[in-house]
């Protein structure tokens, strides 16, 4: 999902910047682009997530109820033959909403951090992949710590 979303977002951003003759989009425009990219990536990746969730859930079922998908592709094939294409897109609405919320909320801190690192270290193409990895890890850690804080707060309130 992440690779699809990132690729779609970067392509959309390039197209928009070319069309408006500017390379500086507002935070709102970046959030809208990343939300759209996330929804497209959710649609593309949903069949794989359906199979993944079913494979994980199979372990908790009785042996006669298990699906026993051999692989992701065999799972997709079985779902298509047994349930039709609608089976591959179960939970799509929730997946799209999750992708929109995730992408739009991560865009602003990601772009901000990336721009600050660029100002400090300049344009070094060999370090660009490291930027992405470091930024994503840093933002992920911040979100985990924030969510732990919120869940702890709610536990103590109730």
C-alpha atoms as a PDB file:
ATOM      1  CA  UNK A   1       0.000   0.000   0.000  1.00  0.00           C
ATOM      2  CA  UNK A   2       2.699   2.467   1.004  1.00  0.00           C
ATOM      3  CA  UNK A   3       4.675   2.048  -2.211  1.00  0.00           C
ATOM      4  CA  UNK A   4       1.573   2.529  -4.359  1.00  0.00           C
ATOM      5  CA  UNK A   5       0.483   5.549  -2.355  1.00  0.00           C
ATOM      6  CA  UNK A   6       3.904   7.197  -2.462  1.00  0.00           C
ATOM      7  CA  UNK A   7       4.314   6.589  -6.191  1.00  0.00           C
ATOM      8  CA  UNK A   8       0.850   7.884  -7.052  1.00  0.00           C
ATOM      9  CA  UNK A   9       1.303  10.920  -4.794  1.00  0.00           C
ATOM     10  CA  UNK A  10       4.647  11.900  -6.306  1.00  0.00           C
ATOM     11  CA  UNK A  11       3.308  11.551  -9.857  1.00  0.00           C
ATOM     12  CA  UNK A  12       0.203  13.593  -9.046  1.00  0.00           C
ATOM     13  CA  UNK A  13       2.330  16.254  -7.355  1.00  0.00           C
ATOM     14  CA  UNK A  14       4.576  16.541 -10.423  1.00  0.00           C
ATOM     15  CA  UNK A  15       1.568  16.871 -12.731  1.00  0.00           C
ATOM     16  CA  UNK A  16      -0.090  19.534 -10.582  1.00  0.00           C
ATOM     17  CA  UNK A  17       3.129  21.510 -10.207  1.00  0.00           C
ATOM     18  CA  UNK A  18       3.626  21.470 -13.989  1.00  0.00           C
ATOM     19  CA  UNK A  19       0.051  22.560 -14.621  1.00  0.00           C
ATOM     20  CA  UNK A  20       0.172  25.505 -12.219  1.00  0.00           C
ATOM     21  CA  UNK A  21       3.803  26.395 -13.032  1.00  0.00           C
ATOM     22  CA  UNK A  22       4.844  26.298  -9.395  1.00  0.00           C
ATOM     23  CA  UNK A  23       6.808  23.862  -7.281  1.00  0.00           C
ATOM     24  CA  UNK A  24       5.386  25.061  -3.978  1.00  0.00           C
ATOM     25  CA  UNK A  25       1.985  23.627  -3.147  1.00  0.00           C
ATOM     26  CA  UNK A  26       0.058  24.665  -0.054  1.00  0.00           C
ATOM     27  CA  UNK A  27      -0.380  22.205   2.783  1.00  0.00           C
ATOM     28  CA  UNK A  28      -4.051  21.841   1.883  1.00  0.00           C
ATOM     29  CA  UNK A  29      -3.226  20.986  -1.734  1.00  0.00           C
ATOM     30  CA  UNK A  30      -0.641  18.435  -0.575  1.00  0.00           C
ATOM     31  CA  UNK A  31      -3.165  16.879   1.808  1.00  0.00           C
ATOM     32  CA  UNK A  32      -5.797  16.615  -0.939  1.00  0.00           C
ATOM     33  CA  UNK A  33      -3.293  15.048  -3.341  1.00  0.00           C
ATOM     34  CA  UNK A  34      -2.114  12.536  -0.776  1.00  0.00           C
ATOM     35  CA  UNK A  35      -5.711  11.687   0.191  1.00  0.00           C
ATOM     36  CA  UNK A  36      -6.552  10.989  -3.434  1.00  0.00           C
ATOM     37  CA  UNK A  37      -3.372   8.952  -3.876  1.00  0.00           C
ATOM     38  CA  UNK A  38      -4.186   6.985  -0.720  1.00  0.00           C
ATOM     39  CA  UNK A  39      -7.681   6.181  -1.923  1.00  0.00           C
ATOM     40  CA  UNK A  40      -6.373   4.928  -5.281  1.00  0.00           C
ATOM     41  CA  UNK A  41      -3.704   2.847  -3.501  1.00  0.00           C
ATOM     42  CA  UNK A  42      -6.380   1.427  -1.177  1.00  0.00           C
ATOM     43  CA  UNK A  43      -8.438   0.313  -4.163  1.00  0.00           C
ATOM     44  CA  UNK A  44      -5.403  -1.340  -5.778  1.00  0.00           C
ATOM     45  CA  UNK A  45      -4.201  -3.056  -2.605  1.00  0.00           C
ATOM     46  CA  UNK A  46      -7.579  -4.104  -1.155  1.00  0.00           C
ATOM     47  CA  UNK A  47      -7.670  -7.596  -2.745  1.00  0.00           C
ATOM     48  CA  UNK A  48      -4.268  -8.373  -1.244  1.00  0.00           C
ATOM     49  CA  UNK A  49      -5.370  -7.128   2.163  1.00  0.00           C
ATOM     50  CA  UNK A  50      -8.527  -9.250   2.036  1.00  0.00           C
ATOM     51  CA  UNK A  51      -6.417 -12.356   1.437  1.00  0.00           C
ATOM     52  CA  UNK A  52      -3.885 -11.326   4.100  1.00  0.00           C
ATOM     53  CA  UNK A  53      -6.576 -10.796   6.748  1.00  0.00           C
ATOM     54  CA  UNK A  54      -8.205 -14.114   5.894  1.00  0.00           C
ATOM     55  CA  UNK A  55      -4.874 -15.935   6.082  1.00  0.00           C
ATOM     56  CA  UNK A  56      -4.200 -14.428   9.518  1.00  0.00           C
ATOM     57  CA  UNK A  57      -7.719 -15.223  10.722  1.00  0.00           C
ATOM     58  CA  UNK A  58      -7.542 -18.826   9.471  1.00  0.00           C
ATOM     59  CA  UNK A  59      -5.344 -19.810  12.405  1.00  0.00           C
ATOM     60  CA  UNK A  60      -8.127 -19.092  14.872  1.00  0.00           C
ATOM     61  CA  UNK A  61     -10.782 -21.091  13.010  1.00  0.00           C
ATOM     62  CA  UNK A  62     -11.600 -24.755  13.446  1.00  0.00           C
ATOM     63  CA  UNK A  63      -9.795 -26.899  10.902  1.00  0.00           C
ATOM     64  CA  UNK A  64     -12.979 -27.685   8.937  1.00  0.00           C
ATOM     65  CA  UNK A  65     -13.766 -23.960   8.519  1.00  0.00           C
ATOM     66  CA  UNK A  66     -10.297 -22.849   7.408  1.00  0.00           C
ATOM     67  CA  UNK A  67      -9.748 -21.574   3.882  1.00  0.00           C
ATOM     68  CA  UNK A  68      -6.105 -22.706   3.729  1.00  0.00           C
ATOM     69  CA  UNK A  69      -4.989 -20.360   0.983  1.00  0.00           C
ATOM     70  CA  UNK A  70      -1.620 -21.565  -0.293  1.00  0.00           C
ATOM     71  CA  UNK A  71      -0.436 -18.129  -1.343  1.00  0.00           C
ATOM     72  CA  UNK A  72      -1.761 -14.656  -2.008  1.00  0.00           C
ATOM     73  CA  UNK A  73      -2.391 -15.407  -5.674  1.00  0.00           C
ATOM     74  CA  UNK A  74      -4.141 -18.701  -4.940  1.00  0.00           C
ATOM     75  CA  UNK A  75      -6.266 -16.867  -2.368  1.00  0.00           C
ATOM     76  CA  UNK A  76      -7.247 -14.240  -4.928  1.00  0.00           C
ATOM     77  CA  UNK A  77      -8.095 -16.992  -7.433  1.00  0.00           C
ATOM     78  CA  UNK A  78     -10.252 -18.869  -4.923  1.00  0.00           C
ATOM     79  CA  UNK A  79     -12.070 -15.721  -3.840  1.00  0.00           C
ATOM     80  CA  UNK A  80     -12.793 -14.876  -7.478  1.00  0.00           C
ATOM     81  CA  UNK A  81     -14.126 -18.360  -8.201  1.00  0.00           C
ATOM     82  CA  UNK A  82     -16.155 -18.735  -4.976  1.00  0.00           C
ATOM     83  CA  UNK A  83     -17.399 -15.184  -4.318  1.00  0.00           C
ATOM     84  CA  UNK A  84     -16.773 -13.247  -7.493  1.00  0.00           C
ATOM     85  CA  UNK A  85     -14.995  -9.936  -7.768  1.00  0.00           C
ATOM     86  CA  UNK A  86     -17.096  -8.411  -4.977  1.00  0.00           C
ATOM     87  CA  UNK A  87     -15.326 -10.725  -2.520  1.00  0.00           C
ATOM     88  CA  UNK A  88     -11.995  -9.096  -3.301  1.00  0.00           C
ATOM     89  CA  UNK A  89     -13.350  -5.667  -2.425  1.00  0.00           C
ATOM     90  CA  UNK A  90     -14.932  -6.401   0.939  1.00  0.00           C
ATOM     91  CA  UNK A  91     -14.200  -3.637   3.396  1.00  0.00           C
ATOM     92  CA  UNK A  92     -13.128  -1.278   0.623  1.00  0.00           C
ATOM     93  CA  UNK A  93     -14.984   1.738   2.037  1.00  0.00           C
ATOM     94  CA  UNK A  94     -13.289   1.400   5.417  1.00  0.00           C
ATOM     95  CA  UNK A  95      -9.933   0.838   3.719  1.00  0.00           C
ATOM     96  CA  UNK A  96     -10.359   3.989   1.624  1.00  0.00           C
ATOM     97  CA  UNK A  97     -11.323   6.073   4.676  1.00  0.00           C
ATOM     98  CA  UNK A  98      -8.323   4.696   6.580  1.00  0.00           C
ATOM     99  CA  UNK A  99      -6.007   5.571   3.682  1.00  0.00           C
ATOM    100  CA  UNK A 100      -7.412   9.091   3.364  1.00  0.00           C
ATOM    101  CA  UNK A 101      -7.018   9.757   7.082  1.00  0.00           C
ATOM    102  CA  UNK A 102      -3.538   8.260   7.219  1.00  0.00           C
ATOM    103  CA  UNK A 103      -2.157   9.964   4.121  1.00  0.00           C
ATOM    104  CA  UNK A 104      -3.634  13.386   4.775  1.00  0.00           C
ATOM    105  CA  UNK A 105      -2.429  13.409   8.387  1.00  0.00           C
ATOM    106  CA  UNK A 106       1.109  12.289   7.512  1.00  0.00           C
ATOM    107  CA  UNK A 107       1.646  14.560   4.524  1.00  0.00           C
ATOM    108  CA  UNK A 108       2.284  17.811   6.354  1.00  0.00           C
ATOM    109  CA  UNK A 109       4.834  16.496   8.900  1.00  0.00           C
ATOM    110  CA  UNK A 110       6.535  14.435   6.170  1.00  0.00           C
ATOM    111  CA  UNK A 111       6.913  17.356   3.757  1.00  0.00           C
ATOM    112  CA  UNK A 112       7.900  19.759   6.531  1.00  0.00           C
ATOM    113  CA  UNK A 113      10.639  17.466   7.824  1.00  0.00           C
ATOM    114  CA  UNK A 114      11.878  16.680   4.325  1.00  0.00           C
ATOM    115  CA  UNK A 115      12.108  20.387   3.432  1.00  0.00           C
ATOM    116  CA  UNK A 116      13.977  21.172   6.671  1.00  0.00           C
ATOM    117  CA  UNK A 117      16.465  18.362   6.017  1.00  0.00           C
ATOM    118  CA  UNK A 118      16.944  19.643   2.473  1.00  0.00           C
ATOM    119  CA  UNK A 119      17.689  23.137   3.789  1.00  0.00           C
ATOM    120  CA  UNK A 120      20.255  21.744   6.227  1.00  0.00           C
ATOM    121  CA  UNK A 121      21.963  19.198   3.956  1.00  0.00           C
ATOM    122  CA  UNK A 122      21.195  20.567   0.503  1.00  0.00           C
ATOM    123  CA  UNK A 123      20.595  18.631  -2.664  1.00  0.00           C
ATOM    124  CA  UNK A 124      22.514  15.386  -2.208  1.00  0.00           C
ATOM    125  CA  UNK A 125      20.945  12.723  -4.457  1.00  0.00           C
ATOM    126  CA  UNK A 126      22.790   9.861  -2.789  1.00  0.00           C
ATOM    127  CA  UNK A 127      21.194  10.714   0.557  1.00  0.00           C
ATOM    128  CA  UNK A 128      17.625  11.237  -0.763  1.00  0.00           C
ATOM    129  CA  UNK A 129      16.479   7.633  -0.099  1.00  0.00           C
ATOM    130  CA  UNK A 130      17.779   7.938   3.461  1.00  0.00           C
ATOM    131  CA  UNK A 131      15.661  11.097   3.917  1.00  0.00           C
ATOM    132  CA  UNK A 132      12.508   9.139   3.183  1.00  0.00           C
ATOM    133  CA  UNK A 133      13.388   6.247   5.471  1.00  0.00           C
ATOM    134  CA  UNK A 134      14.417   8.489   8.361  1.00  0.00           C
ATOM    135  CA  UNK A 135      11.421  10.778   8.009  1.00  0.00           C
ATOM    136  CA  UNK A 136       8.913   7.936   7.825  1.00  0.00           C
ATOM    137  CA  UNK A 137      10.474   6.230  10.861  1.00  0.00           C
ATOM    138  CA  UNK A 138      10.565   9.481  12.832  1.00  0.00           C
ATOM    139  CA  UNK A 139       6.949  10.342  12.066  1.00  0.00           C
ATOM    140  CA  UNK A 140       5.891   6.750  12.798  1.00  0.00           C
ATOM    141  CA  UNK A 141       7.546   6.847  16.212  1.00  0.00           C
ATOM    142  CA  UNK A 142       5.888  10.191  16.995  1.00  0.00           C
ATOM    143  CA  UNK A 143       2.455   8.846  16.016  1.00  0.00           C
ATOM    144  CA  UNK A 144       2.948   5.695  18.095  1.00  0.00           C
ATOM    145  CA  UNK A 145       3.972   7.729  21.129  1.00  0.00           C
ATOM    146  CA  UNK A 146       1.047  10.093  20.586  1.00  0.00           C
ATOM    147  CA  UNK A 147      -1.452   7.217  20.254  1.00  0.00           C
ATOM    148  CA  UNK A 148      -0.030   5.502  23.363  1.00  0.00           C
ATOM    149  CA  UNK A 149      -0.526   8.755  25.224  1.00  0.00           C
ATOM    150  CA  UNK A 150      -4.132   9.039  24.054  1.00  0.00           C
ATOM    151  CA  UNK A 151      -4.970   5.422  24.882  1.00  0.00           C
ATOM    152  CA  UNK A 152      -3.367   5.797  28.330  1.00  0.00           C
ATOM    153  CA  UNK A 153      -5.360   8.971  28.901  1.00  0.00           C
ATOM    154  CA  UNK A 154      -8.625   7.193  28.033  1.00  0.00           C
ATOM    155  CA  UNK A 155      -7.776   4.236  30.273  1.00  0.00           C
ATOM    156  CA  UNK A 156      -7.292   6.501  33.270  1.00  0.00           C
ATOM    157  CA  UNK A 157     -10.468   8.469  32.512  1.00  0.00           C
ATOM    158  CA  UNK A 158     -12.670   5.356  32.463  1.00  0.00           C
END
